[in-house]
Protein backbone atom coordinates (compact mmCIF):
# COMPACT_ATOMS: atom_id res chain seq x y z
CA MET A 1 66.98 73.40 90.07
CA LYS A 2 67.77 72.59 86.49
CA THR A 3 67.93 69.19 84.88
CA ARG A 4 71.43 67.78 84.45
CA PRO A 5 72.10 64.41 82.79
CA LEU A 6 74.46 62.28 84.79
CA SER A 7 77.06 62.20 82.01
CA GLY A 8 77.33 65.95 82.27
CA ILE A 9 78.17 66.15 85.98
CA SER A 10 81.07 68.56 86.41
CA ALA A 11 84.43 67.50 87.82
CA ARG A 12 83.79 70.28 90.29
CA GLY A 13 80.97 68.09 91.70
CA TRP A 14 83.45 65.69 93.17
CA LEU A 15 87.17 64.87 92.98
CA ALA A 16 87.57 61.71 90.93
CA THR A 17 90.31 59.88 92.78
CA LEU A 18 91.23 56.31 92.02
CA ALA A 19 92.03 53.55 94.40
CA ALA A 20 94.50 51.37 92.48
CA VAL A 21 96.85 48.55 93.34
CA VAL A 22 99.78 47.88 91.00
CA VAL A 23 101.77 44.63 90.86
CA PRO A 24 104.65 45.20 90.39
CA VAL A 25 104.76 48.91 91.19
CA GLY A 26 104.46 51.15 88.15
CA ALA A 27 103.77 54.77 87.47
CA LEU A 28 100.25 55.91 88.46
CA GLY A 29 98.13 58.26 86.39
CA SER A 30 96.28 61.34 87.63
CA PHE A 31 93.02 63.22 86.82
CA VAL A 32 92.91 66.68 85.32
CA ALA A 33 89.70 68.76 85.27
CA CYS A 34 88.92 69.89 81.78
CA GLY A 35 85.81 72.05 81.50
CA ASP A 36 82.77 69.97 82.44
CA SER A 37 84.36 66.61 81.59
CA GLN A 38 86.73 64.21 83.27
CA GLU A 39 89.91 63.04 81.58
CA ILE A 40 92.40 60.36 82.67
CA VAL A 41 96.01 61.50 82.25
CA THR A 42 98.69 58.90 82.94
CA THR A 43 102.43 58.50 82.72
CA PRO A 44 103.79 55.31 81.16
CA VAL A 45 103.46 52.17 83.25
CA THR A 46 106.64 50.16 83.67
CA ASN A 47 106.67 46.44 84.30
CA GLY A 48 103.07 46.08 85.41
CA ILE A 49 99.36 46.91 85.24
CA VAL A 50 97.25 49.81 86.52
CA LEU A 51 93.40 49.84 86.65
CA PHE A 52 91.60 53.19 86.63
CA ALA A 53 87.83 53.69 87.31
CA THR A 54 85.89 56.92 86.86
CA PRO A 55 83.85 58.01 88.66
CA THR A 56 84.54 56.11 91.84
CA THR A 57 81.06 56.95 93.15
CA GLN A 58 78.14 56.23 90.83
CA LEU A 59 74.36 55.77 90.89
CA ALA A 60 73.20 52.17 91.28
CA ASN A 61 70.69 52.43 88.44
CA GLY A 62 72.68 51.18 85.47
CA SER A 63 74.75 54.37 85.11
CA ILE A 64 78.20 53.79 83.58
CA VAL A 65 81.63 53.72 85.24
CA LYS A 66 84.53 53.96 82.75
CA LEU A 67 87.32 51.39 83.27
CA GLU A 68 90.79 51.81 81.77
CA VAL A 69 93.73 49.39 82.13
CA ARG A 70 97.33 50.33 81.21
CA THR A 71 100.05 47.69 80.89
CA SER A 72 103.76 47.51 80.02
CA VAL A 73 106.88 45.40 80.15
CA GLY A 74 109.62 47.85 80.84
CA SER A 75 109.09 50.65 78.37
CA THR A 76 107.25 48.38 75.94
CA ALA A 77 103.45 48.44 75.79
CA GLY A 78 101.75 45.29 76.98
CA THR A 79 100.11 42.89 74.55
CA GLY A 80 97.41 40.23 74.76
CA THR A 81 94.19 40.51 76.77
CA VAL A 82 93.15 41.68 80.20
CA LYS A 83 90.49 39.84 82.21
CA LEU A 84 88.12 42.15 84.10
CA THR A 85 85.84 40.95 86.91
CA ALA A 86 83.81 42.65 89.66
CA THR A 87 82.25 41.58 92.93
CA HIS A 88 78.81 42.61 91.55
CA GLY A 89 77.54 44.16 88.35
CA MET A 90 78.25 43.87 84.64
CA ILE A 91 81.39 44.69 82.65
CA GLY A 92 80.57 45.25 79.02
CA GLY A 93 77.23 43.59 79.64
CA GLN A 94 78.85 40.44 81.08
CA THR A 95 79.83 39.20 84.54
CA SER A 96 83.48 39.00 83.39
CA LEU A 97 85.15 40.21 80.25
CA ASP A 98 88.39 39.57 78.33
CA VAL A 99 89.47 42.85 76.72
CA PRO A 100 92.21 43.01 74.04
CA LEU A 101 95.03 45.53 74.65
CA ASP A 102 95.53 48.13 71.94
CA ALA A 103 98.91 49.17 70.47
CA ALA A 104 99.54 51.40 73.47
CA GLY A 105 98.94 48.51 75.90
CA VAL A 106 95.59 49.98 76.98
CA ALA A 107 92.18 48.26 77.40
CA ARG A 108 88.85 50.01 78.10
CA ALA A 109 85.36 48.81 79.17
CA ASP A 110 82.09 50.09 80.70
CA TYR A 111 81.02 48.91 84.15
CA THR A 112 77.48 49.15 85.62
CA CYS A 113 75.74 47.87 88.71
CA ASP A 114 71.92 48.13 88.87
CA ALA A 115 70.35 47.78 92.31
CA THR A 116 66.88 47.33 90.79
CA LYS A 117 68.15 44.02 89.45
CA ASP A 118 70.65 43.09 92.18
CA ILE A 119 70.26 44.74 95.58
CA ALA A 120 73.85 43.69 96.42
CA CYS A 121 75.04 46.41 94.03
CA LEU A 122 74.51 49.03 96.73
CA GLY A 123 77.77 49.88 98.41
CA LYS A 124 81.45 49.37 97.57
CA GLN A 125 82.33 47.02 94.71
CA THR A 126 85.81 45.91 93.72
CA VAL A 127 86.89 45.56 90.09
CA THR A 128 89.89 43.34 89.37
CA ALA A 129 92.11 43.36 86.27
CA VAL A 130 94.48 40.43 85.60
CA TRP A 131 97.23 40.46 82.93
CA ASN A 132 100.21 38.08 82.67
CA ASN A 133 99.91 37.18 86.37
CA SER A 134 99.86 40.85 87.31
CA VAL A 135 96.79 42.14 89.18
CA SER A 136 95.34 45.58 89.78
CA THR A 137 92.10 46.52 91.57
CA ALA A 138 89.88 49.57 91.92
CA ASP A 139 86.95 50.24 94.24
CA VAL A 140 83.71 51.84 93.09
CA THR A 141 80.84 52.79 95.42
CA PHE A 142 77.30 52.54 94.03
CA ALA A 143 74.61 54.56 95.79
CA GLN A 144 70.88 55.23 95.56
CA SER A 145 71.59 58.97 95.58
CA ILE A 146 74.62 61.24 95.58
CA ALA A 147 74.69 64.35 97.76
CA GLY A 148 75.46 67.57 95.99
CA VAL A 149 73.97 66.52 92.70
CA ASP A 150 70.69 67.99 91.47
CA ALA A 151 67.53 65.86 91.74
CA GLY A 152 66.63 67.18 88.31
CA TYR A 153 62.85 67.43 88.33
CA ASP A 154 61.73 70.82 89.56
CA ALA A 155 63.28 73.08 86.86
CA GLY A 156 65.08 75.25 89.46
CA PRO A 157 68.80 75.84 90.01
CA VAL A 158 71.13 73.10 91.15
CA ASP A 159 70.64 72.87 94.90
CA GLY A 160 72.67 69.89 96.00
CA GLY A 161 69.65 67.68 96.57
CA PRO A 162 69.66 63.94 96.01
CA ILE A 163 69.34 62.44 92.54
CA ALA A 164 65.93 60.83 92.01
CA ILE A 165 66.53 57.37 90.51
CA PRO A 166 63.43 55.51 89.26
CA GLY A 167 63.46 52.29 91.24
CA THR A 168 59.96 50.81 90.85
CA VAL A 169 56.94 51.12 88.62
CA SER A 170 53.64 49.60 89.72
CA TYR A 171 50.08 49.28 88.50
CA GLU A 172 47.78 51.40 90.65
CA SER A 173 44.18 51.14 89.43
CA LEU A 174 41.50 51.21 86.77
CA THR A 175 38.76 53.70 87.59
CA CYS A 176 35.51 54.59 85.85
CA GLY A 177 33.56 57.69 86.82
CA GLY A 178 35.82 58.24 89.81
CA GLY A 179 35.42 54.76 91.31
CA PRO A 180 37.22 51.46 90.82
CA CYS A 181 35.97 49.22 88.00
CA ALA A 182 36.74 45.69 86.88
CA PHE A 183 36.13 46.22 83.16
CA LEU A 184 34.73 48.67 80.62
CA GLY A 185 31.27 48.44 79.10
CA LEU A 186 30.76 48.60 75.36
CA LYS A 187 30.24 51.95 73.70
CA ASN A 188 26.70 53.36 74.12
CA SER A 189 25.83 50.80 76.79
CA GLY A 190 25.61 53.52 79.43
CA PHE A 191 27.98 51.57 81.72
CA ASN A 192 31.66 52.42 82.28
CA GLU A 193 32.31 53.35 78.66
CA ALA A 194 35.55 55.14 79.62
CA GLY A 195 38.15 54.46 82.27
CA THR A 196 41.46 55.79 83.55
CA ILE A 197 44.38 53.46 84.16
CA THR A 198 47.11 54.62 86.55
CA PHE A 199 50.72 53.54 87.21
CA LEU A 200 53.01 54.83 89.98
CA VAL A 201 56.77 55.45 89.69
CA LYS A 202 58.95 55.62 92.82
CA ASP A 203 62.66 56.06 93.41
CA SER A 204 64.89 53.53 95.13
CA ASN A 205 63.94 55.00 98.50
CA GLY A 206 60.21 54.54 97.86
CA LYS A 207 59.51 58.20 97.13
CA ALA A 208 57.17 59.05 94.24
CA ILE A 209 59.00 60.72 91.35
CA PRO A 210 57.29 63.44 89.33
CA ASN A 211 58.04 64.51 85.74
CA THR A 212 59.46 61.11 84.80
CA PRO A 213 58.98 59.99 81.17
CA VAL A 214 56.96 56.78 80.95
CA THR A 215 55.79 55.03 77.78
CA LEU A 216 52.29 53.52 78.02
CA LYS A 217 50.94 51.29 75.28
CA THR A 218 48.24 48.63 74.89
CA ASP A 219 48.86 44.96 74.30
CA GLY A 220 46.05 43.03 72.61
CA ALA A 221 43.49 45.85 72.47
CA PRO A 222 40.57 45.41 70.02
CA THR A 223 41.22 46.58 66.47
CA ASP A 224 38.14 48.75 66.60
CA PRO A 225 38.11 52.31 65.16
CA SER A 226 35.90 53.50 67.98
CA PHE A 227 38.33 52.24 70.67
CA SER A 228 40.78 54.88 71.86
CA PHE A 229 43.82 54.99 74.15
CA ALA A 230 45.20 58.40 75.20
CA PRO A 231 48.29 58.13 77.45
CA ASN A 232 50.18 60.86 79.28
CA ALA A 233 53.94 60.98 78.66
CA LYS A 234 55.23 61.80 82.17
CA THR A 235 54.36 61.24 85.79
CA ASP A 236 52.48 64.00 87.59
CA ALA A 237 53.43 65.71 90.86
CA ASN A 238 52.42 62.53 92.73
CA GLY A 239 54.54 60.22 90.58
CA LYS A 240 51.51 58.90 88.73
CA VAL A 241 51.10 58.48 84.99
CA THR A 242 47.70 57.81 83.47
CA ALA A 243 45.93 56.94 80.25
CA LEU A 244 42.29 57.44 79.28
CA ILE A 245 40.73 54.37 77.68
CA THR A 246 37.48 54.69 75.75
CA SER A 247 35.70 51.49 74.76
CA GLY A 248 34.43 50.66 71.30
CA VAL A 249 31.75 48.26 70.11
CA THR A 250 33.95 45.14 70.18
CA ILE A 251 34.49 42.98 73.23
CA GLY A 252 38.01 41.95 74.14
CA ILE A 253 40.67 41.54 76.83
CA PHE A 254 43.95 43.45 76.76
CA LYS A 255 46.75 44.78 78.96
CA VAL A 256 48.51 48.12 79.29
CA HIS A 257 52.31 48.05 79.37
CA ALA A 258 54.19 50.76 81.29
CA LYS A 259 57.91 51.34 80.68
CA VAL A 260 60.06 53.90 82.50
CA ASP A 261 62.11 55.38 79.67
CA SER A 262 65.26 56.21 81.65
CA VAL A 263 65.90 52.79 83.20
CA VAL A 264 66.45 49.65 81.15
CA GLY A 265 64.12 46.87 82.21
CA LEU A 266 61.96 48.99 84.53
CA GLU A 267 58.53 48.08 83.14
CA ILE A 268 55.32 46.28 84.08
CA ASP A 269 52.01 45.03 82.66
CA SER A 270 48.62 45.88 84.08
CA PRO A 271 46.24 43.05 84.96
CA PRO A 272 43.98 42.00 82.06
CA ILE A 273 41.35 44.64 81.25
CA GLY A 274 38.07 43.61 79.68
CA ILE A 275 35.68 45.38 77.35
CA ARG A 276 32.44 43.49 77.86
CA GLY A 277 28.72 43.51 77.32
CA SER A 278 27.01 45.28 80.20
CA LYS A 279 23.30 45.78 79.52
CA PRO A 280 20.97 42.81 78.91
CA SER A 281 18.80 42.98 75.81
CA ASN A 282 15.48 41.13 75.68
CA ARG A 283 16.51 39.41 72.43
CA ASN A 284 19.46 37.80 74.23
CA VAL A 285 17.95 36.88 77.59
CA ALA A 286 17.36 33.12 77.58
CA LEU A 287 16.02 30.65 80.13
CA LYS A 288 15.93 26.86 79.95
CA CYS A 289 15.67 23.88 82.25
CA ALA A 290 17.43 20.54 81.96
CA ARG A 291 14.10 18.68 81.99
CA LYS A 292 11.00 19.47 79.93
CA ASN A 293 8.85 16.52 81.03
CA ILE A 294 8.89 15.16 84.59
CA ALA A 295 6.76 12.42 86.10
CA ALA A 296 5.49 14.75 88.83
CA LEU A 297 1.89 13.40 88.69
CA VAL A 298 3.05 9.86 89.52
CA ALA A 299 2.54 10.27 93.24
CA ASN A 300 -0.22 10.04 95.83
CA PRO A 301 -0.85 12.84 96.39
CA PRO A 302 0.89 14.60 93.51
CA PRO A 303 3.27 16.09 92.76
CA ALA A 304 6.28 13.85 93.36
CA ASP A 305 9.34 15.59 94.80
CA ILE A 306 11.54 16.21 91.77
CA PRO A 307 14.40 18.73 91.42
CA VAL A 308 15.27 20.18 88.00
CA ASN A 309 18.40 22.16 87.15
CA CYS A 310 17.74 25.38 85.24
CA ASP A 311 19.99 28.10 83.82
CA PHE A 312 19.75 31.51 82.21
CA ARG A 313 21.96 33.55 79.92
CA LEU A 314 22.23 37.35 79.71
CA GLY A 315 23.46 38.93 76.48
CA ASP A 316 23.64 42.51 75.26
CA ARG A 317 22.11 43.86 72.04
CA PHE A 318 25.12 42.53 70.08
CA GLY A 319 24.80 39.05 71.55
CA ASN A 320 27.84 39.43 73.81
CA PRO A 321 27.64 37.91 77.30
CA VAL A 322 26.98 40.50 80.00
CA GLY A 323 30.10 40.87 82.14
CA ARG A 324 28.40 42.49 85.13
CA SER A 325 27.10 40.30 87.94
CA LEU A 326 23.39 41.09 87.93
CA ALA A 327 20.61 39.91 90.24
CA VAL A 328 18.06 37.99 88.17
CA SER A 329 14.58 37.52 89.67
CA VAL A 330 12.84 34.14 89.28
CA LYS A 331 9.10 33.42 89.68
CA THR A 332 7.09 30.26 89.05
CA GLU A 333 3.49 29.23 88.41
CA ALA A 334 3.88 26.24 90.74
CA GLY A 335 6.82 24.71 92.55
CA ALA A 336 9.70 26.74 93.92
CA ALA A 337 12.93 28.45 92.82
CA PRO A 338 15.29 30.97 94.43
CA ALA A 339 13.88 34.50 94.34
CA LEU A 340 17.18 35.99 93.13
CA VAL A 341 20.08 34.40 91.26
CA SER A 342 23.29 36.30 90.43
CA SER A 343 24.85 36.02 87.00
CA VAL A 344 28.53 35.18 86.65
CA ALA A 345 30.73 38.26 86.27
CA PHE A 346 33.65 38.70 83.87
CA ALA A 347 36.87 37.34 85.40
CA PRO A 348 40.04 39.09 84.12
CA THR A 349 42.15 35.94 84.54
CA GLY A 350 39.46 33.29 83.95
CA ASP A 351 38.26 31.48 80.82
CA ASN A 352 34.86 33.25 81.14
CA ALA A 353 32.99 30.31 79.64
CA SER A 354 30.18 30.98 82.15
CA GLU A 355 30.20 34.78 81.89
CA GLY A 356 26.67 36.21 81.96
CA THR A 357 25.04 32.94 83.00
CA GLY A 358 23.39 31.73 86.19
CA LEU A 359 22.21 28.40 87.60
CA PHE A 360 19.38 27.52 89.95
CA VAL A 361 17.34 24.50 90.99
CA TYR A 362 13.59 24.37 90.40
CA ARG A 363 11.73 21.98 92.67
CA THR A 364 8.17 20.72 92.79
CA THR A 365 6.18 21.75 95.85
CA PRO A 366 3.89 19.32 97.75
CA LEU A 367 0.17 19.65 96.84
CA GLN A 368 0.93 22.49 94.42
CA LEU A 369 -0.14 21.77 90.84
CA PRO A 370 -0.19 23.77 87.61
CA PHE A 371 -3.03 26.17 86.87
CA ASP A 372 -6.11 24.61 85.16
CA THR A 373 -6.42 26.12 81.68
CA ASP A 374 -9.16 26.31 79.09
CA PRO A 375 -8.35 24.44 75.88
CA ASN A 376 -7.15 26.44 72.91
CA ALA A 377 -8.72 26.02 69.49
CA GLY A 378 -7.62 22.68 68.10
CA GLU A 379 -6.23 21.49 71.43
CA PRO A 380 -7.39 17.98 72.47
CA THR A 381 -9.52 17.73 75.59
CA ILE A 382 -11.15 14.97 77.63
CA GLY A 383 -13.22 15.30 80.79
CA GLY A 384 -12.35 18.97 81.14
CA ARG A 385 -8.63 18.30 80.90
CA ASN A 386 -6.16 19.37 78.20
CA PRO A 387 -2.39 19.04 77.73
CA ARG A 388 -1.55 22.54 79.04
CA ASP A 389 -3.07 21.61 82.40
CA GLY A 390 0.28 19.92 83.10
CA MET A 391 2.46 22.90 82.12
CA VAL A 392 4.26 24.98 84.76
CA ASN A 393 5.51 28.40 83.62
CA ILE A 394 8.84 29.77 84.96
CA LEU A 395 9.88 33.43 84.59
CA ALA A 396 13.30 35.14 84.86
CA TYR A 397 13.64 38.93 84.57
CA VAL A 398 16.36 41.57 85.01
CA ASP A 399 16.92 45.28 84.34
CA GLY A 400 18.00 45.95 80.76
CA GLU A 401 16.81 47.32 77.42
CA GLU A 402 14.57 46.27 74.57
CA PHE A 403 16.54 45.18 71.53
CA PHE A 404 16.80 47.50 68.55
CA SER A 405 18.48 47.08 65.18
CA ASP A 406 21.10 49.82 64.97
CA ALA A 407 20.72 50.35 61.21
CA ASN A 408 22.98 53.42 61.06
CA SER A 409 25.52 52.08 63.61
CA ASN A 410 25.35 55.21 65.76
CA GLY A 411 24.81 53.21 68.95
CA ILE A 412 21.44 54.77 69.81
CA TYR A 413 17.85 53.97 68.91
CA ASP A 414 16.40 56.08 66.08
CA ILE A 415 12.72 56.22 65.10
CA GLY A 416 12.07 53.68 62.36
CA GLU A 417 14.64 51.14 63.49
CA GLN A 418 13.24 47.69 64.29
CA PHE A 419 12.76 46.93 67.97
CA TYR A 420 11.39 44.09 70.10
CA ASP A 421 8.49 45.42 72.17
CA GLN A 422 7.92 43.39 75.33
CA ALA A 423 5.20 43.37 77.97
CA GLU A 424 5.92 43.81 81.65
CA PRO A 425 7.27 40.53 83.08
CA PHE A 426 4.56 38.11 84.24
CA VAL A 427 3.98 34.45 85.01
CA ASP A 428 1.77 33.19 82.18
CA ALA A 429 -0.27 30.71 84.22
CA ASN A 430 -2.94 30.20 81.54
CA ASP A 431 -0.49 30.28 78.61
CA SER A 432 -2.36 33.10 76.89
CA ASP A 433 0.45 35.68 76.46
CA VAL A 434 -1.65 38.01 78.62
CA HIS A 435 -1.60 38.47 82.39
CA ASP A 436 -4.66 36.72 83.83
CA GLY A 437 -5.07 38.97 86.87
CA VAL A 438 -4.14 36.20 89.32
CA SER A 439 -0.52 35.21 88.73
CA PHE A 440 2.57 37.31 89.45
CA TYR A 441 3.58 40.33 87.36
CA TYR A 442 6.33 42.94 87.81
CA ASP A 443 5.09 46.51 87.61
CA THR A 444 8.02 48.06 85.74
CA ASN A 445 6.56 51.56 85.45
CA LYS A 446 4.92 51.49 88.93
CA ASN A 447 1.47 52.47 87.64
CA GLY A 448 -0.36 49.78 89.64
CA ARG A 449 -1.41 47.58 86.71
CA TRP A 450 0.08 45.12 84.23
CA ASP A 451 0.95 46.65 80.85
CA GLY A 452 1.45 44.78 77.63
CA PRO A 453 3.84 45.91 74.87
CA ASN A 454 3.59 49.72 74.90
CA GLY A 455 4.44 50.49 71.28
CA VAL A 456 7.69 52.37 71.97
CA TRP A 457 11.31 51.32 72.43
CA ASP A 458 12.32 51.18 76.11
CA GLY A 459 15.99 51.72 76.89
CA ASN A 460 15.61 51.16 80.63
CA THR A 461 13.11 48.49 81.56
CA ALA A 462 12.78 44.96 82.90
CA VAL A 463 13.55 42.37 80.21
CA TRP A 464 12.67 38.73 80.60
CA ALA A 465 12.52 35.18 79.34
CA THR A 466 10.21 32.30 80.13
CA THR A 467 10.12 28.52 79.89
CA TRP A 468 7.89 25.58 80.88
CA ILE A 469 8.12 22.22 82.60
CA ASN A 470 5.41 19.63 81.86
CA TYR A 471 4.07 17.62 84.82
CA THR A 472 2.99 14.18 83.50
CA GLY A 473 1.73 10.91 84.96
CA VAL A 474 0.55 7.37 84.01
CA GLY A 475 -3.17 7.95 84.22
CA GLY A 476 -3.94 6.28 80.90
CA THR A 477 -3.30 2.78 79.55
CA PRO A 478 -1.21 1.66 76.58
CA ALA A 479 -3.08 1.36 73.30
CA PHE A 480 -2.35 -0.97 70.36
CA SER A 481 -3.21 0.27 66.89
CA PRO A 482 -4.75 -1.86 65.49
CA ALA A 483 -6.25 -3.20 68.72
CA SER A 484 -6.37 -6.76 67.29
CA ALA A 485 -5.39 -8.41 64.03
CA THR A 486 -5.19 -11.55 61.92
CA VAL A 487 -1.84 -12.13 60.27
CA GLU A 488 -1.63 -14.31 57.16
CA LYS A 489 1.30 -16.53 56.27
CA GLY A 490 4.34 -14.48 55.23
CA ALA A 491 2.55 -11.20 55.98
CA LEU A 492 4.09 -8.27 57.88
CA LEU A 493 2.04 -6.21 60.34
CA ASP A 494 3.18 -2.94 61.98
CA VAL A 495 1.44 -2.09 65.25
CA ASN A 496 1.81 1.31 66.89
CA VAL A 497 1.85 1.36 70.68
CA SER A 498 0.98 4.64 72.42
CA MET A 499 0.05 6.00 75.80
CA LEU A 500 -1.17 9.38 77.05
CA ASP A 501 -1.55 10.48 80.66
CA GLU A 502 -4.69 11.92 82.25
CA ASN A 503 -4.06 15.34 80.61
CA LEU A 504 -3.52 13.77 77.16
CA ASN A 505 0.20 14.41 77.51
CA GLN A 506 3.05 12.16 76.48
CA ILE A 507 4.42 10.39 79.53
CA SER A 508 7.90 11.17 80.77
CA LEU A 509 9.81 8.64 78.68
CA THR A 510 13.07 9.26 80.55
CA ASP A 511 11.39 8.22 83.81
CA ALA A 512 9.48 5.24 82.39
CA THR A 513 10.21 1.59 81.71
CA TYR A 514 8.13 0.25 78.80
CA GLY A 515 8.04 -2.73 76.47
CA VAL A 516 5.93 -5.35 74.69
CA THR A 517 6.21 -9.11 75.19
CA ARG A 518 4.47 -12.14 73.61
CA GLU A 519 2.57 -14.02 76.28
CA ALA A 520 1.01 -16.80 74.19
CA GLY A 521 1.62 -18.45 70.81
CA GLN A 522 4.59 -19.74 68.90
CA LYS A 523 3.95 -19.03 65.25
CA GLY A 524 5.74 -16.35 63.28
CA GLN A 525 8.11 -13.74 64.60
CA PHE A 526 7.85 -10.35 66.30
CA GLY A 527 10.12 -7.42 67.08
CA TRP A 528 9.75 -4.48 69.46
CA ASN A 529 11.18 -1.06 68.53
CA PRO A 530 10.72 1.36 71.44
CA VAL A 531 10.82 5.14 71.04
CA PRO A 532 14.18 6.44 72.40
CA LYS A 533 13.94 7.83 75.92
CA ALA A 534 14.23 11.47 74.88
CA ASP A 535 13.06 14.29 77.13
CA ASP A 536 10.31 16.28 75.41
CA TYR A 537 7.08 18.11 76.12
CA GLY A 538 5.30 15.77 73.72
CA PHE A 539 3.99 18.71 71.69
CA LYS A 540 5.53 21.81 70.13
CA VAL A 541 6.05 25.02 72.10
CA THR A 542 7.56 28.05 70.36
CA ARG A 543 8.11 31.62 71.47
CA ASP A 544 8.20 33.60 68.26
CA LEU A 545 8.66 37.21 67.20
CA VAL A 546 5.57 38.22 65.27
CA VAL A 547 3.81 41.27 63.86
CA PRO A 548 1.63 42.66 66.70
CA ASN A 549 -1.83 41.07 66.98
CA THR A 550 -0.97 38.33 64.45
CA THR A 551 0.89 35.05 64.21
CA THR A 552 2.86 36.31 61.19
CA ALA A 553 6.63 36.21 61.54
CA CYS A 554 7.96 39.72 62.20
CA GLY A 555 10.44 39.81 59.32
CA ALA A 556 11.33 43.41 58.49
CA ASN A 557 8.42 44.90 60.41
CA THR A 558 9.51 47.86 62.54
CA ARG A 559 7.86 46.63 65.74
CA CYS A 560 7.99 42.98 66.83
CA VAL A 561 6.32 41.32 69.82
CA TYR A 562 6.73 37.92 71.42
CA ARG A 563 4.02 35.29 71.11
CA THR A 564 3.86 31.78 72.54
CA LEU A 565 2.34 29.12 70.30
CA PHE A 566 1.37 25.53 71.17
CA SER A 567 0.87 22.97 68.39
CA ASN A 568 1.51 19.40 67.17
CA TRP A 569 -0.25 17.79 70.12
CA ALA A 570 1.17 14.54 71.48
CA THR A 571 0.23 11.15 70.05
CA GLY A 572 1.83 9.34 72.98
CA ASN A 573 3.80 6.99 70.74
CA ILE A 574 6.09 4.75 72.78
CA GLY A 575 7.15 2.26 70.15
CA ARG A 576 6.34 -0.03 67.22
CA LEU A 577 5.53 -3.75 67.35
CA GLN A 578 6.37 -5.59 64.12
CA ILE A 579 4.68 -9.00 63.65
CA THR A 580 5.70 -11.41 60.88
CA GLY A 581 3.34 -14.22 59.83
CA ALA A 582 4.24 -17.89 59.70
CA ALA A 583 6.29 -19.35 56.87
CA GLY A 584 4.43 -20.25 53.68
CA ALA A 585 5.13 -23.96 54.17
CA ASP A 586 3.57 -23.95 57.64
CA MET A 587 0.63 -26.40 57.70
CA THR A 588 -0.36 -26.12 61.37
CA ALA A 589 -3.75 -24.81 62.40
CA ALA A 590 -4.37 -21.14 63.07
CA GLU A 591 -3.10 -20.04 66.46
CA ALA A 592 -4.26 -17.41 68.91
CA GLN A 593 -1.48 -15.22 70.20
CA ARG A 594 -1.40 -12.53 72.85
CA PHE A 595 0.93 -9.53 73.19
CA ARG A 596 1.15 -7.47 76.36
CA ALA A 597 2.35 -3.86 76.64
CA ARG A 598 3.54 -2.69 80.05
CA VAL A 599 4.52 0.83 81.19
CA GLN A 600 5.89 1.62 84.65
CA ILE A 601 7.01 4.83 86.31
CA ALA A 602 8.10 4.62 89.92
CA ALA A 603 5.59 2.30 91.64
CA SER A 604 2.79 2.94 89.14
CA ALA A 605 2.30 0.52 86.26
CA THR A 606 -0.34 0.04 83.58
CA GLU A 607 -0.80 -2.71 80.99
CA ALA A 608 -2.78 -3.54 77.85
CA VAL A 609 -3.25 -6.71 75.77
CA MET A 610 -3.49 -7.25 72.00
CA ASN A 611 -4.93 -10.47 70.60
CA VAL A 612 -3.58 -11.72 67.28
CA THR A 613 -4.68 -14.69 65.13
CA MET A 614 -1.77 -16.21 63.25
CA LYS A 615 -2.78 -18.25 60.16
């Protein structure tokens, strides 16, 4: 076959005869073959109107039928306008059209009927011309294919096969490495960095059409020099047209638009395609719980049954959320949590506010308490107890990479670039930053022992984050400072009120009810200013990046390690009592007054009294 445009179809392909009705009867025109074109030759029309259409059989894909109207009154050419209408389709781009007659009494217009837009176009359509109450009609048949006309896509001789008319274009798939994928990973992430998008073109009969020009272009793709889009220009032997997409270093969401060049309006968008973070980096793995301090020791026996909502976040080395749904492992020093929690995957049509995150519930376990620890230097202790005896460590870990600072922007780690060296994941039961030999650890390299930071950057390893929940109680009693006082006339006295539990920890203020009242005495005034019921450990816990074997901030040091530091131990402050002495003119005798502090959590309550002499 050889390719032939429709406009070049020879008159030898079919005889262009016209079905015309003339009112009143006039002289009809006739067709004369002239080379490879068709020409309308007419004799003058007397007293009427004649409508000609050529060809009378046409493809229902927007291909043009030429309409010509000739009018006269006697031997005089008609004047005015002719109204053209059709049962289906468009005349001059409109459903009906008024066409002015020229000096010869002739009007011309283009007629199309596209079955991809109106299925009723298939079959015989009637065009009607009205002029000065005279009417003429012509029938045109629109078909999906026309026998005897070359299909036009196999480069051979004309063989009389059907014309292939593009009827549909559809999105087929996005594949990465030969399999389907939901999104592309960022450049140098090692995950789906390139993908192939495919569209399929079929004719009106549902048959795939090869060698069909299709324009593919992106809509909303990242403006990133390392992003590339390489489309093919035509469909292959299976009617498919593809483009290779290579991700860059910028996240984004875009579409690919496919347009069949030969058919107006035959086009489609792909579903949204994401370029997302795909490999967690230890710098951007975070874990936190909604409660830091819970009144778990206020029970007999402890701990009380208390649920706590926790969540994690997975980010890549650039800080982008990880779009893959990954299984994150969770372990605890005491209490319970799900063993595995899946992170939220990228959703092409969602808002992705939760992308790369996961939620789980931590719950205290009956008779299971935190590990007893030895006090650190400077840590308060009493009766063998210290504040970290109430701390429960929680661990979350997942496969990923250690962070490195890509100083030369080549996407790979080079010797000398800063990196965050991390130990194998472990539950730090004694809060020492070293596995104690008893609690859980994950043997990343399968060598049968726990390994600390190994001194080299690891591109494929388990990365992790950790957090704590403090179990506290009401084992102590409130304390006034000063414990007693004498207040002179007009004087102002501030009294701090504090309370620590049996581990010298701040009580769980959010779970407690606390206040100070005056039980005896009338002189002077007093006010109670409680500490807001904020949730807090009661002391400072930081997980810092430091120079190895020091507490010095890492700064520009090539190798950084994580270190947990505890400081600023709790004072147990629960509020301030402000006492104002009697007025200067007061002449009454000195009066003994008594103030009572009361703290209650659940069914447990404790009280203390302060005696004050008011002058």
